Amino acid sequence: MDSMDSGFGFPMLSSAVIADYLIQFGIAPVSNLRPEDISKPQPDLLRAVLSHFFAAFVGTAGDGEDGQLGFSDLEGVDNPEHHAEAIRVLRLISKSRTFLESIHLKDLKLVDLLRPTQHRVVQVLSALINFLLYREDKLSLLKPIISETPDYHERTMELKARIAQIHKEIADHQLEEQMEEPMAQQLEAVVNALQQKVQVYNKQQLALRAKAAAINDKKEELHRKITQADFDLTKHAQENSKLRSKLVKSPEKVQRALEEKKSVRAKLKESEKIAMHNVQEKTATLELLNKAHEKLGKQYSKLQDVQEQLAASKTVEKEVKARKAKLNDERASVKSFDTQIVEWQRKVHDEMEERLKAKVKERNQIIAEENQKLGASRSEIESKLQCLEPREKKVEAMIAKATELCSEAASARSAATAEQQKIRERFDNLLKAFDTYMDNVDPFLERVGEVGRQLAEEDTSDPRPSAATAKTTPRASASKKSRARKRA
């Protein structure tokens, strides 16, 4: 059997060195492992080391949760702990064989775990320690590559912190904007209402100005009429004085003139009364105009307040627009930072790929050299391993027979369980039939008991007990027993 596919090899270590390395890597079965424990191995040495190795470095223990699968199927079988231990050992050897074949150590037998020899224990442990040392070397080779880019990580962390801060500021601005949005909407509604009021007030002001202009026109016309009436009065007074000077000369003419003057005077008095009435109306209208002027002044002051509120709302709108512009600028800067981060990550990824390719090439060269060295020891190991094949086949046949016996026991147990279930169903059916029979018999027994009690009451005068009572008493007791069984 070809146990090795390449030239990969490892040196055989001494027992003391193996003990030190096992303690150093933390996979020793005990903390005070001695070289004598390896030179004279116990049956559980390799199992414990492999279990610790899988738990510490591979990530799956040899007998973890999978080791408990199938243990419930062994209940009811003699010594289930031995079968569970056998299953754990089989799973451990399967995982160990798979892993050791991956590092080019094949032909791991069951006997190596159950009855290990010194040579075989040293060989397996040397392979594990060689793998761990090889793993440490590769990790140490990668450490300089990681240490060459500390600035990138620092810069990335700074950029991430800056991005987080900017996102926080954006969230704060959005929160402030959301908090101020109801106030802005409220101010906008107030501004719209005030603008509508201003438009209404402007219309009212224009109407009032038109009315005031019409009243001023009427006032000027009245003043003109009053001045004209005064002029007419002075003119009539002068004519009256002239007529008085002519009274002595012609009395008849004077009389006629006086009558004419009286009629004219009456007309003038009527016109004067009308003028006075007009003047009073004008004064009343002037008072109304003054009051309207005062109201207009108050409305004008209110309009000034509204204009101030409008100016304040405009300033608030300007601040909101400025904050929105600032927020947009910050979003653009965040996008630019994101593009820079993506570019830096791409550059670092390319550099890492190039370095990894170089390291892989170097590793392939080392593996080729080691494979050449491994070819010399392959034939010797194969000859030693072929001696153990007959014993392994015998043990595997015994294990297969034990597995077959376990499966037969499980099938017998399942058949017995099915038979027990059938018997249980029959028993339940019999109980149901008995319950239905007793349900039908109980009313008859109760009626017989009542007849017996009636006969006993009728025969209370007769000292001898009647045959009916003697017969009904056991039946009544039987009905009570049947009821008791039904309740049970």
Protein backbone atom coordinates (compact mmCIF):
# COMPACT_ATOMS: atom_id res chain seq x y z
CA MET A 1 0.00 0.00 0.00
CA ASP A 2 1.32 3.38 -1.00
CA SER A 3 1.07 5.38 2.23
CA MET A 4 2.57 8.63 0.94
CA ASP A 5 1.76 10.54 -2.23
CA SER A 6 4.58 13.11 -2.12
CA GLY A 7 7.99 13.74 -0.68
CA PHE A 8 6.74 15.51 2.41
CA GLY A 9 8.53 14.26 5.52
CA PHE A 10 9.40 15.04 9.13
CA PRO A 11 12.22 14.15 11.55
CA MET A 12 11.70 11.56 14.29
CA LEU A 13 11.93 13.32 17.66
CA SER A 14 13.02 11.93 20.98
CA SER A 15 10.62 11.24 23.84
CA ALA A 16 11.89 14.17 25.92
CA VAL A 17 11.53 16.61 23.01
CA ILE A 18 8.02 15.29 22.25
CA ALA A 19 6.98 15.69 25.90
CA ASP A 20 8.30 19.27 25.99
CA TYR A 21 6.52 20.21 22.74
CA LEU A 22 3.23 18.63 23.85
CA ILE A 23 3.32 20.65 27.08
CA GLN A 24 4.36 23.78 25.16
CA PHE A 25 1.48 23.50 22.66
CA GLY A 26 -1.02 22.60 25.40
CA ILE A 27 -2.11 19.24 23.99
CA ALA A 28 -0.51 17.01 26.61
CA PRO A 29 -2.92 14.66 28.40
CA VAL A 30 -1.43 15.71 31.78
CA SER A 31 0.44 18.82 32.80
CA ASN A 32 3.44 16.85 34.16
CA LEU A 33 4.02 14.63 31.14
CA ARG A 34 7.33 12.76 31.33
CA PRO A 35 9.46 11.13 28.60
CA GLU A 36 8.82 7.75 30.27
CA ASP A 37 5.09 8.15 29.48
CA ILE A 38 5.96 8.28 25.77
CA SER A 39 8.61 5.55 25.78
CA LYS A 40 6.14 3.28 27.63
CA PRO A 41 2.80 4.58 26.30
CA GLN A 42 -0.53 3.89 27.96
CA PRO A 43 -3.55 2.83 25.83
CA ASP A 44 -5.25 6.23 26.18
CA LEU A 45 -2.18 8.41 25.42
CA LEU A 46 -2.74 8.90 21.70
CA ARG A 47 -6.50 9.29 22.13
CA ALA A 48 -6.06 12.06 24.71
CA VAL A 49 -3.41 13.89 22.62
CA LEU A 50 -5.50 13.70 19.44
CA SER A 51 -8.64 14.86 21.26
CA HIS A 52 -6.78 17.87 22.71
CA PHE A 53 -5.22 18.59 19.31
CA PHE A 54 -8.57 18.61 17.49
CA ALA A 55 -10.15 20.75 20.22
CA ALA A 56 -7.29 23.30 20.23
CA PHE A 57 -6.20 23.61 16.58
CA VAL A 58 -8.71 21.97 14.26
CA GLY A 59 -11.87 23.11 16.06
CA THR A 60 -13.69 19.73 16.34
CA ALA A 61 -13.07 17.47 19.29
CA GLY A 62 -12.75 13.75 18.78
CA ASP A 63 -15.72 12.87 20.94
CA GLY A 64 -17.78 16.01 21.10
CA GLU A 65 -21.44 16.28 20.41
CA ASP A 66 -21.19 13.73 17.58
CA GLY A 67 -19.87 11.17 20.03
CA GLN A 68 -23.22 11.08 21.78
CA LEU A 69 -25.19 10.26 18.63
CA GLY A 70 -26.65 6.76 18.73
CA PHE A 71 -26.16 6.36 22.50
CA SER A 72 -29.93 6.43 23.12
CA ASP A 73 -30.31 3.49 20.71
CA LEU A 74 -28.10 1.39 23.00
CA GLU A 75 -30.43 1.71 26.03
CA GLY A 76 -31.58 -1.67 27.17
CA VAL A 77 -28.45 -3.38 25.76
CA ASP A 78 -25.78 -4.86 28.05
CA ASN A 79 -22.99 -2.38 28.92
CA PRO A 80 -24.08 0.60 26.80
CA GLU A 81 -21.07 2.60 28.10
CA HIS A 82 -18.68 0.23 26.31
CA HIS A 83 -20.57 0.61 23.04
CA ALA A 84 -20.60 4.41 23.38
CA GLU A 85 -16.87 4.40 24.07
CA ALA A 86 -16.31 2.21 21.01
CA ILE A 87 -18.29 4.64 18.85
CA ARG A 88 -16.24 7.55 20.20
CA VAL A 89 -13.00 5.73 19.41
CA LEU A 90 -14.17 4.93 15.88
CA ARG A 91 -15.09 8.54 15.22
CA LEU A 92 -11.81 9.75 16.70
CA ILE A 93 -9.78 7.41 14.50
CA SER A 94 -11.80 8.47 11.44
CA LYS A 95 -11.07 12.16 12.05
CA SER A 96 -7.45 11.44 12.96
CA ARG A 97 -6.94 9.35 9.83
CA THR A 98 -8.41 12.09 7.63
CA PHE A 99 -6.19 14.76 9.17
CA LEU A 100 -3.00 12.69 9.20
CA GLU A 101 -3.54 11.78 5.55
CA SER A 102 -3.76 15.52 4.79
CA ILE A 103 -0.22 15.89 6.19
CA HIS A 104 0.93 12.74 4.32
CA LEU A 105 0.94 10.30 7.24
CA LYS A 106 -1.27 7.41 6.20
CA ASP A 107 -2.15 3.92 7.47
CA LEU A 108 -3.34 4.95 10.92
CA LYS A 109 -4.79 1.78 12.46
CA LEU A 110 -7.20 1.17 15.29
CA VAL A 111 -4.50 -0.71 17.11
CA ASP A 112 -2.47 2.52 17.27
CA LEU A 113 -5.10 3.95 19.62
CA LEU A 114 -5.98 0.79 21.56
CA ARG A 115 -2.51 -0.82 21.99
CA PRO A 116 0.05 1.73 20.80
CA THR A 117 3.73 0.88 20.50
CA GLN A 118 6.59 3.22 21.25
CA HIS A 119 7.66 3.52 17.63
CA ARG A 120 4.15 4.24 16.40
CA VAL A 121 3.44 6.77 19.15
CA VAL A 122 6.71 8.60 18.43
CA GLN A 123 5.92 8.61 14.70
CA VAL A 124 2.40 10.02 15.07
CA LEU A 125 3.39 12.60 17.69
CA SER A 126 6.43 13.67 15.63
CA ALA A 127 4.10 14.26 12.66
CA LEU A 128 1.74 16.37 14.79
CA ILE A 129 4.59 18.40 16.31
CA ASN A 130 6.15 18.90 12.85
CA PHE A 131 2.79 20.19 11.58
CA LEU A 132 2.50 22.60 14.52
CA LEU A 133 6.05 23.87 14.00
CA TYR A 134 5.40 24.27 10.27
CA ARG A 135 2.21 26.18 11.13
CA GLU A 136 4.13 28.52 13.46
CA ASP A 137 6.77 29.16 10.76
CA LYS A 138 4.13 30.14 8.21
CA LEU A 139 2.41 32.40 10.70
CA SER A 140 5.74 34.07 11.53
CA LEU A 141 6.32 34.62 7.79
CA LEU A 142 2.99 36.41 7.50
CA LYS A 143 3.62 38.67 10.50
CA PRO A 144 6.05 41.04 8.62
CA ILE A 145 3.51 41.40 5.82
CA ILE A 146 0.89 42.42 8.35
CA SER A 147 3.32 44.71 10.19
CA GLU A 148 4.27 46.53 6.95
CA THR A 149 0.87 48.17 6.67
CA PRO A 150 0.19 49.73 10.09
CA ASP A 151 -0.42 53.14 8.55
CA TYR A 152 -3.16 51.71 6.38
CA HIS A 153 -4.97 50.33 9.39
CA GLU A 154 -4.47 53.55 11.35
CA ARG A 155 -5.64 55.60 8.40
CA THR A 156 -8.58 53.26 7.93
CA MET A 157 -9.48 53.59 11.60
CA GLU A 158 -9.17 57.38 11.40
CA LEU A 159 -11.33 57.47 8.28
CA LYS A 160 -13.86 55.17 9.89
CA ALA A 161 -13.91 57.40 12.96
CA ARG A 162 -14.29 60.47 10.74
CA ILE A 163 -17.04 58.77 8.75
CA ALA A 164 -18.78 57.77 11.96
CA GLN A 165 -18.47 61.35 13.22
CA ILE A 166 -19.83 62.72 9.94
CA HIS A 167 -22.67 60.21 10.02
CA LYS A 168 -23.37 61.29 13.58
CA GLU A 169 -23.36 64.96 12.55
CA ILE A 170 -25.64 64.11 9.62
CA ALA A 171 -27.94 62.26 11.97
CA ASP A 172 -27.83 65.24 14.38
CA HIS A 173 -28.63 67.65 11.53
CA GLN A 174 -31.42 65.43 10.34
CA LEU A 175 -32.71 65.15 13.90
CA GLU A 176 -32.56 68.93 14.31
CA GLU A 177 -34.25 69.34 10.95
CA GLN A 178 -36.93 66.88 11.97
CA MET A 179 -37.31 68.64 15.33
CA GLU A 180 -37.48 72.05 13.66
CA GLU A 181 -39.75 70.85 10.86
CA PRO A 182 -42.96 71.19 12.93
CA MET A 183 -41.87 74.67 14.00
CA ALA A 184 -41.02 75.59 10.41
CA GLN A 185 -44.35 74.22 9.19
CA GLN A 186 -46.11 76.14 11.95
CA LEU A 187 -44.21 79.33 11.03
CA GLU A 188 -44.97 78.73 7.37
CA ALA A 189 -48.67 78.38 8.16
CA VAL A 190 -48.52 81.54 10.29
CA VAL A 191 -46.67 83.37 7.50
CA ASN A 192 -49.24 82.24 4.93
CA ALA A 193 -52.09 83.37 7.19
CA LEU A 194 -50.33 86.69 7.80
CA GLN A 195 -49.75 87.16 4.07
CA GLN A 196 -53.45 86.59 3.45
CA LYS A 197 -54.27 89.06 6.21
CA VAL A 198 -51.83 91.56 4.67
CA GLN A 199 -53.54 91.20 1.32
CA VAL A 200 -56.95 91.75 2.97
CA TYR A 201 -55.59 94.72 4.90
CA ASN A 202 -54.07 96.17 1.70
CA LYS A 203 -57.43 95.89 -0.04
CA GLN A 204 -59.15 97.50 2.94
CA GLN A 205 -56.51 100.23 3.01
CA LEU A 206 -57.02 100.94 -0.70
CA ALA A 207 -60.79 101.10 -0.19
CA LEU A 208 -60.36 103.41 2.81
CA ARG A 209 -57.99 105.63 0.86
CA ALA A 210 -60.54 105.87 -1.95
CA LYS A 211 -63.24 106.75 0.60
CA ALA A 212 -60.94 109.31 2.24
CA ALA A 213 -60.22 110.91 -1.18
CA ALA A 214 -63.97 111.08 -1.92
CA ILE A 215 -64.62 112.62 1.54
CA ASN A 216 -61.84 115.18 0.97
CA ASP A 217 -63.40 116.10 -2.37
CA LYS A 218 -66.78 116.58 -0.72
CA LYS A 219 -65.15 118.59 2.06
CA GLU A 220 -63.47 120.93 -0.43
CA GLU A 221 -66.75 121.36 -2.30
CA LEU A 222 -68.56 122.24 0.96
CA HIS A 223 -65.85 124.77 1.86
CA ARG A 224 -66.23 126.31 -1.56
CA LYS A 225 -70.01 126.52 -1.16
CA ILE A 226 -69.63 128.08 2.33
CA THR A 227 -67.24 130.73 1.02
CA GLN A 228 -69.63 131.41 -1.84
CA ALA A 229 -72.54 131.73 0.61
CA ASP A 230 -70.49 134.18 2.75
CA PHE A 231 -69.68 136.18 -0.34
CA ASP A 232 -73.37 136.26 -1.28
CA LEU A 233 -74.31 137.42 2.25
CA THR A 234 -71.84 140.27 2.18
CA LYS A 235 -73.06 141.23 -1.28
CA HIS A 236 -76.72 141.20 -0.10
CA ALA A 237 -75.79 143.28 2.95
CA GLN A 238 -74.22 145.87 0.72
CA GLU A 239 -77.30 145.92 -1.51
CA ASN A 240 -79.51 146.20 1.59
CA SER A 241 -77.56 149.25 2.79
CA LYS A 242 -77.92 150.84 -0.62
CA LEU A 243 -81.65 150.20 -0.62
CA ARG A 244 -82.02 151.73 2.84
CA SER A 245 -80.31 154.87 1.59
CA LYS A 246 -82.92 155.04 -1.21
CA LEU A 247 -86.00 154.53 1.09
CA VAL A 248 -86.68 158.26 1.57
CA LYS A 249 -86.61 159.03 -2.14
CA SER A 250 -89.19 156.55 -3.41
CA PRO A 251 -91.19 154.76 -0.70
CA GLU A 252 -93.28 152.76 -3.11
CA LYS A 253 -90.26 151.41 -4.89
CA VAL A 254 -88.64 150.77 -1.54
CA GLN A 255 -91.70 148.89 -0.42
CA ARG A 256 -91.62 146.75 -3.50
CA ALA A 257 -87.91 146.32 -3.11
CA LEU A 258 -88.35 145.39 0.52
CA GLU A 259 -90.84 142.74 -0.33
CA GLU A 260 -88.53 141.39 -2.95
CA LYS A 261 -85.67 141.53 -0.48
CA LYS A 262 -87.76 139.75 2.13
CA SER A 263 -88.52 136.95 -0.24
CA VAL A 264 -84.86 136.79 -1.19
CA ARG A 265 -83.93 136.93 2.48
CA ALA A 266 -86.25 134.03 3.30
CA LYS A 267 -84.68 132.07 0.49
CA LEU A 268 -81.24 132.97 1.83
CA LYS A 269 -82.20 131.84 5.34
CA GLU A 270 -83.41 128.56 3.98
CA SER A 271 -80.19 128.14 2.00
CA GLU A 272 -78.25 129.11 5.15
CA LYS A 273 -80.09 126.46 7.16
CA ILE A 274 -79.34 123.94 4.46
CA ALA A 275 -75.68 125.03 4.45
CA MET A 276 -75.49 124.72 8.26
CA HIS A 277 -77.00 121.27 8.04
CA ASN A 278 -74.44 120.36 5.40
CA VAL A 279 -71.67 121.75 7.59
CA GLN A 280 -72.81 119.59 10.51
CA GLU A 281 -72.88 116.57 8.26
CA LYS A 282 -69.37 117.41 7.06
CA THR A 283 -68.12 117.75 10.63
CA ALA A 284 -69.62 114.36 11.46
CA THR A 285 -67.95 112.87 8.41
CA LEU A 286 -64.69 114.55 9.45
CA GLU A 287 -64.95 112.92 12.87
CA LEU A 288 -65.59 109.58 11.17
CA LEU A 289 -62.57 110.20 8.97
CA ASN A 290 -60.42 110.95 12.01
CA LYS A 291 -61.57 107.74 13.68
CA ALA A 292 -60.91 105.82 10.46
CA HIS A 293 -57.48 107.45 10.34
CA GLU A 294 -56.76 106.26 13.88
CA LYS A 295 -57.92 102.75 12.99
CA LEU A 296 -55.75 102.83 9.90
CA GLY A 297 -52.79 103.82 12.07
CA LYS A 298 -53.44 100.86 14.34
CA GLN A 299 -53.76 98.57 11.33
CA TYR A 300 -50.54 100.01 9.96
CA SER A 301 -48.74 99.21 13.24
CA LYS A 302 -50.12 95.67 13.06
CA LEU A 303 -48.92 95.44 9.46
CA GLN A 304 -45.45 96.52 10.60
CA ASP A 305 -45.48 93.74 13.24
CA VAL A 306 -46.54 91.26 10.57
CA GLN A 307 -43.74 92.47 8.30
CA GLU A 308 -41.26 92.00 11.16
CA GLN A 309 -42.55 88.44 11.66
CA LEU A 310 -42.21 87.87 7.91
CA ALA A 311 -38.63 89.12 8.06
CA ALA A 312 -37.93 86.77 11.00
CA SER A 313 -39.47 83.84 9.11
CA LYS A 314 -37.34 84.72 6.07
CA THR A 315 -34.22 84.65 8.26
CA VAL A 316 -35.30 81.24 9.61
CA GLU A 317 -35.80 80.02 6.02
CA LYS A 318 -32.34 81.30 5.12
CA GLU A 319 -30.83 79.42 8.09
CA VAL A 320 -32.67 76.23 7.06
CA LYS A 321 -31.39 76.60 3.48
CA ALA A 322 -27.84 77.19 4.76
CA ARG A 323 -28.01 74.08 6.94
CA LYS A 324 -29.35 72.03 4.04
CA ALA A 325 -26.50 73.28 1.83
CA LYS A 326 -23.98 72.40 4.58
CA LEU A 327 -25.54 68.95 4.90
CA ASN A 328 -25.26 68.40 1.13
CA ASP A 329 -21.59 69.46 1.23
CA GLU A 330 -20.91 67.01 4.07
CA ARG A 331 -22.66 64.22 2.16
CA ALA A 332 -20.46 64.95 -0.86
CA SER A 333 -17.34 64.84 1.35
CA VAL A 334 -18.52 61.49 2.83
CA LYS A 335 -18.95 60.10 -0.71
CA SER A 336 -15.43 61.25 -1.61
CA PHE A 337 -14.08 59.56 1.55
CA ASP A 338 -15.90 56.36 0.57
CA THR A 339 -14.29 56.37 -2.88
CA GLN A 340 -10.84 56.96 -1.32
CA ILE A 341 -11.36 54.06 1.11
CA VAL A 342 -12.41 51.73 -1.73
CA GLU A 343 -9.33 52.74 -3.75
CA TRP A 344 -6.96 52.20 -0.78
CA GLN A 345 -8.53 48.81 -0.04
CA ARG A 346 -8.07 47.79 -3.69
CA LYS A 347 -4.40 48.83 -3.61
CA VAL A 348 -3.72 46.97 -0.36
CA HIS A 349 -5.54 43.89 -1.69
CA ASP A 350 -3.39 43.89 -4.85
CA GLU A 351 -0.18 44.21 -2.81
CA MET A 352 -1.25 41.38 -0.49
CA GLU A 353 -2.06 39.13 -3.47
CA GLU A 354 1.36 39.76 -5.04
CA ARG A 355 3.16 38.99 -1.77
CA LEU A 356 1.07 35.88 -1.19
CA LYS A 357 1.90 34.65 -4.71
CA ALA A 358 5.61 35.08 -3.94
CA LYS A 359 5.25 33.24 -0.61
CA VAL A 360 3.28 30.42 -2.28
CA LYS A 361 6.02 30.03 -4.89
CA GLU A 362 8.64 29.87 -2.14
CA ARG A 363 6.53 27.32 -0.24
CA ASN A 364 6.23 25.12 -3.34
CA GLN A 365 10.00 25.12 -3.74
CA ILE A 366 10.46 24.10 -0.10
CA ILE A 367 7.85 21.35 -0.46
CA ALA A 368 9.58 19.99 -3.56
CA GLU A 369 12.88 19.79 -1.67
CA GLU A 370 11.24 18.10 1.30
CA ASN A 371 9.44 15.63 -0.99
CA GLN A 372 12.77 14.49 -2.37
CA LYS A 373 13.98 13.82 1.17
CA LEU A 374 10.76 11.96 2.03
CA GLY A 375 11.08 9.46 -0.82
CA ALA A 376 14.01 7.72 0.93
CA SER A 377 12.02 6.83 4.07
CA ARG A 378 8.78 5.85 2.26
CA SER A 379 9.69 2.23 1.48
CA GLU A 380 10.89 1.53 5.04
CA ILE A 381 7.67 2.85 6.56
CA GLU A 382 5.53 0.89 4.06
CA SER A 383 7.24 -2.41 4.96
CA LYS A 384 6.63 -1.80 8.65
CA LEU A 385 3.02 -0.83 8.14
CA GLN A 386 2.15 -3.88 5.99
CA CYS A 387 2.89 -6.18 8.96
CA LEU A 388 -0.06 -4.70 10.84
CA GLU A 389 -2.64 -5.15 8.05
CA PRO A 390 -3.80 -8.72 9.01
CA ARG A 391 -4.38 -7.70 12.62
CA GLU A 392 -6.27 -4.59 11.54
CA LYS A 393 -8.51 -6.64 9.22
CA LYS A 394 -9.25 -9.06 12.07
CA VAL A 395 -10.15 -6.20 14.43
CA GLU A 396 -12.30 -4.54 11.76
CA ALA A 397 -14.14 -7.84 11.20
CA MET A 398 -14.78 -8.08 14.95
CA ILE A 399 -16.06 -4.51 14.98
CA ALA A 400 -18.34 -5.20 12.00
CA LYS A 401 -19.70 -8.28 13.82
CA ALA A 402 -20.31 -6.20 16.96
CA THR A 403 -22.08 -3.55 14.88
CA GLU A 404 -24.24 -6.25 13.27
CA LEU A 405 -25.14 -7.63 16.72
CA CYS A 406 -26.07 -4.11 17.89
CA SER A 407 -28.30 -3.62 14.86
CA GLU A 408 -29.98 -7.01 15.45
CA ALA A 409 -30.56 -6.10 19.10
CA ALA A 410 -32.06 -2.76 18.03
CA SER A 411 -34.37 -4.45 15.50
CA ALA A 412 -35.46 -7.02 18.13
CA ARG A 413 -36.14 -4.22 20.56
CA SER A 414 -38.23 -2.31 17.98
CA ALA A 415 -40.21 -5.51 17.18
CA ALA A 416 -40.83 -6.11 20.90
CA THR A 417 -41.94 -2.48 21.27
CA ALA A 418 -44.40 -2.90 18.36
CA GLU A 419 -45.75 -6.14 19.88
CA GLN A 420 -46.12 -4.44 23.25
CA GLN A 421 -47.99 -1.60 21.56
CA LYS A 422 -50.40 -4.09 19.93
CA ILE A 423 -51.03 -5.82 23.29
CA ARG A 424 -51.64 -2.42 24.87
CA GLU A 425 -54.19 -1.55 22.17
CA ARG A 426 -55.98 -4.89 22.73
CA PHE A 427 -56.09 -4.27 26.47
CA ASP A 428 -57.52 -0.77 25.89
CA ASN A 429 -60.20 -2.22 23.59
CA LEU A 430 -61.13 -4.83 26.25
CA LEU A 431 -61.39 -2.10 28.88
CA LYS A 432 -63.66 -0.04 26.61
CA ALA A 433 -65.89 -3.08 25.95
CA PHE A 434 -66.05 -3.85 29.68
CA ASP A 435 -66.95 -0.20 30.43
CA THR A 436 -69.75 -0.24 27.85
CA TYR A 437 -71.05 -3.56 29.24
CA MET A 438 -71.03 -2.22 32.80
CA ASP A 439 -72.76 0.96 31.64
CA ASN A 440 -75.58 -1.21 30.23
CA VAL A 441 -75.76 -3.52 33.30
CA ASP A 442 -75.62 -0.81 36.02
CA PRO A 443 -79.14 0.60 35.39
CA PHE A 444 -80.62 -2.92 35.51
CA LEU A 445 -78.83 -3.68 38.77
CA GLU A 446 -79.98 -0.36 40.24
CA ARG A 447 -83.61 -1.17 39.32
CA VAL A 448 -83.28 -4.61 40.91
CA GLY A 449 -81.90 -2.98 44.05
CA GLU A 450 -84.81 -0.56 44.21
CA VAL A 451 -87.32 -3.46 43.86
CA GLY A 452 -85.53 -5.28 46.64
CA ARG A 453 -85.69 -2.22 48.90
CA GLN A 454 -89.43 -1.85 48.20
CA LEU A 455 -90.04 -5.52 49.02
CA ALA A 456 -88.01 -5.12 52.20
CA GLU A 457 -90.12 -2.13 53.24
CA GLU A 458 -93.34 -4.12 52.57
CA ASP A 459 -92.13 -7.07 54.60
CA THR A 460 -90.98 -5.05 57.61
CA SER A 461 -93.86 -6.54 59.61
CA ASP A 462 -92.71 -10.10 58.76
CA PRO A 463 -89.78 -11.07 61.03
CA ARG A 464 -88.43 -13.52 58.46
CA PRO A 465 -86.26 -12.15 55.73
CA SER A 466 -87.73 -12.50 52.28
CA ALA A 467 -86.11 -14.29 49.39
CA ALA A 468 -86.22 -11.16 47.26
CA THR A 469 -84.14 -9.20 49.72
CA ALA A 470 -81.69 -12.05 49.94
CA LYS A 471 -81.33 -12.00 46.18
CA THR A 472 -81.18 -8.24 45.61
CA THR A 473 -78.56 -7.47 48.19
CA PRO A 474 -75.64 -9.13 46.37
CA ARG A 475 -76.72 -7.61 43.07
CA ALA A 476 -76.79 -4.13 44.55
CA SER A 477 -73.34 -4.75 45.96
CA ALA A 478 -72.26 -5.97 42.53
CA SER A 479 -73.55 -2.75 40.94
CA LYS A 480 -71.63 -0.71 43.51
CA LYS A 481 -68.48 -2.67 42.76
CA SER A 482 -68.96 -2.15 39.02
CA ARG A 483 -69.39 1.58 39.55
CA ALA A 484 -66.30 1.63 41.71
CA ARG A 485 -64.33 -0.18 38.98
CA LYS A 486 -65.64 2.27 36.37
CA ARG A 487 -64.52 5.23 38.47
CA ALA A 488 -61.12 3.59 38.91
